[in-house]
């Protein structure tokens, strides 16, 4: 989701998990945007059960006109960010095209 300079990653977790925010690995394709910080209400090694976990990414865009022509791509890389029964939940790379609502770029 996008809202006023922030992007949000939401994970709807059903069951019992351990969230390790320090283990979250992100990568951005493109040089028009960079992540300058992230925030969540959770602390590292936080135990959750049947909960929506949200991470807010603070982003800096160099040239907003370029954002519409060539949106940045965010990759959430495999990591120990979310664990279940001592096993990684994120075992594959997740790809997100970061664009504003109403943008028709494909």
Protein backbone atom coordinates (compact mmCIF):
# COMPACT_ATOMS: atom_id res chain seq x y z
CA UNK A 1 0.00 0.00 0.00
CA UNK A 2 1.13 3.58 -0.64
CA UNK A 3 0.19 6.65 1.37
CA UNK A 4 1.91 10.07 1.37
CA UNK A 5 5.56 9.06 1.01
CA UNK A 6 5.25 5.79 2.86
CA UNK A 7 4.86 2.26 1.61
CA UNK A 8 3.35 -0.38 3.86
CA UNK A 9 4.01 -4.10 3.89
CA UNK A 10 1.27 -6.04 5.65
CA UNK A 11 1.49 -9.71 6.60
CA UNK A 12 -1.73 -11.41 7.77
CA UNK A 13 -0.37 -14.20 9.98
CA UNK A 14 -2.67 -17.07 10.91
CA UNK A 15 -1.20 -19.22 13.68
CA UNK A 16 1.80 -18.65 15.95
CA UNK A 17 4.93 -16.90 14.60
CA UNK A 18 8.07 -15.12 15.76
CA UNK A 19 8.84 -11.79 14.05
CA UNK A 20 12.48 -10.64 13.86
CA UNK A 21 12.42 -7.11 12.45
CA UNK A 22 16.24 -6.95 12.49
CA UNK A 23 16.30 -9.82 9.99
CA UNK A 24 14.10 -8.15 7.35
CA UNK A 25 16.08 -7.90 4.08
CA UNK A 26 14.98 -5.43 1.41
CA UNK A 27 16.38 -4.43 -1.96
CA UNK A 28 15.21 -1.77 -4.44
CA UNK A 29 15.68 -1.89 -8.21
CA UNK A 30 16.04 1.57 -9.66
CA UNK A 31 17.92 4.61 -8.47
CA UNK A 32 14.99 7.04 -8.16
CA UNK A 33 13.92 5.93 -4.69
CA UNK A 34 15.56 4.79 -1.51
CA UNK A 35 14.26 3.56 1.81
CA UNK A 36 15.41 5.91 4.55
CA UNK A 37 13.83 4.06 7.47
CA UNK A 38 11.24 1.58 8.61
CA UNK A 39 8.88 1.34 11.52
CA UNK A 40 6.64 -1.21 13.15
CA UNK A 41 5.00 -1.52 16.53
CA UNK A 42 6.80 -4.81 17.10
CA UNK A 43 10.14 -5.38 18.79
CA UNK A 44 12.69 -7.94 17.65
CA UNK A 45 11.95 -11.58 18.53
CA UNK A 46 8.27 -10.74 19.04
CA UNK A 47 5.81 -13.65 19.36
CA UNK A 48 2.51 -13.14 17.54
CA UNK A 49 -0.56 -15.25 17.03
CA UNK A 50 -3.32 -14.63 14.47
CA UNK A 51 -2.29 -11.06 13.84
CA UNK A 52 -1.75 -8.55 11.06
CA UNK A 53 1.89 -7.42 11.10
CA UNK A 54 2.58 -4.13 9.36
CA UNK A 55 5.90 -2.56 8.42
CA UNK A 56 5.97 1.09 7.31
CA UNK A 57 8.76 2.03 4.91
CA UNK A 58 9.85 5.68 4.84
CA UNK A 59 10.83 6.47 1.26
CA UNK A 60 12.69 9.29 -0.43
CA UNK A 61 11.99 9.88 -4.13
CA UNK A 62 14.55 11.90 -6.09
CA UNK A 63 12.36 12.87 -9.06
CA UNK A 64 8.60 12.41 -8.73
CA UNK A 65 8.07 12.76 -12.50
CA UNK A 66 10.28 9.69 -13.03
CA UNK A 67 8.28 7.71 -10.48
CA UNK A 68 5.34 7.58 -12.91
CA UNK A 69 7.47 6.68 -15.94
CA UNK A 70 9.54 3.98 -14.27
CA UNK A 71 8.25 2.85 -10.84
CA UNK A 72 10.76 1.41 -8.41
CA UNK A 73 10.63 -2.29 -7.57
CA UNK A 74 10.96 -3.49 -3.98
CA UNK A 75 12.22 -6.98 -3.25
CA UNK A 76 11.65 -8.64 0.12
CA UNK A 77 14.43 -11.19 0.24
CA UNK A 78 14.37 -14.57 2.00
CA UNK A 79 15.23 -14.05 5.65
CA UNK A 80 14.44 -14.95 9.24
CA UNK A 81 12.04 -12.00 9.46
CA UNK A 82 9.02 -14.26 10.07
CA UNK A 83 9.61 -17.67 11.62
CA UNK A 84 7.25 -20.56 12.39
CA UNK A 85 8.42 -23.61 14.31
CA UNK A 86 12.04 -22.41 13.88
CA UNK A 87 11.60 -22.36 10.08
CA UNK A 88 11.68 -19.37 7.72
CA UNK A 89 8.34 -18.32 6.27
CA UNK A 90 9.94 -16.08 3.61
CA UNK A 91 11.83 -18.65 1.56
CA UNK A 92 11.36 -16.99 -1.84
CA UNK A 93 11.90 -13.41 -2.98
CA UNK A 94 8.73 -11.30 -3.02
CA UNK A 95 8.52 -8.57 -5.68
CA UNK A 96 6.45 -5.37 -5.34
CA UNK A 97 6.14 -2.63 -7.96
CA UNK A 98 5.97 0.62 -6.01
CA UNK A 99 3.56 2.97 -7.69
CA UNK A 100 0.96 5.49 -6.66
CA UNK A 101 -2.75 4.68 -6.76
CA UNK A 102 -4.24 5.38 -10.16
CA UNK A 103 -0.91 4.94 -11.96
CA UNK A 104 -1.50 2.97 -15.17
CA UNK A 105 2.12 1.77 -15.60
CA UNK A 106 2.38 -1.97 -16.38
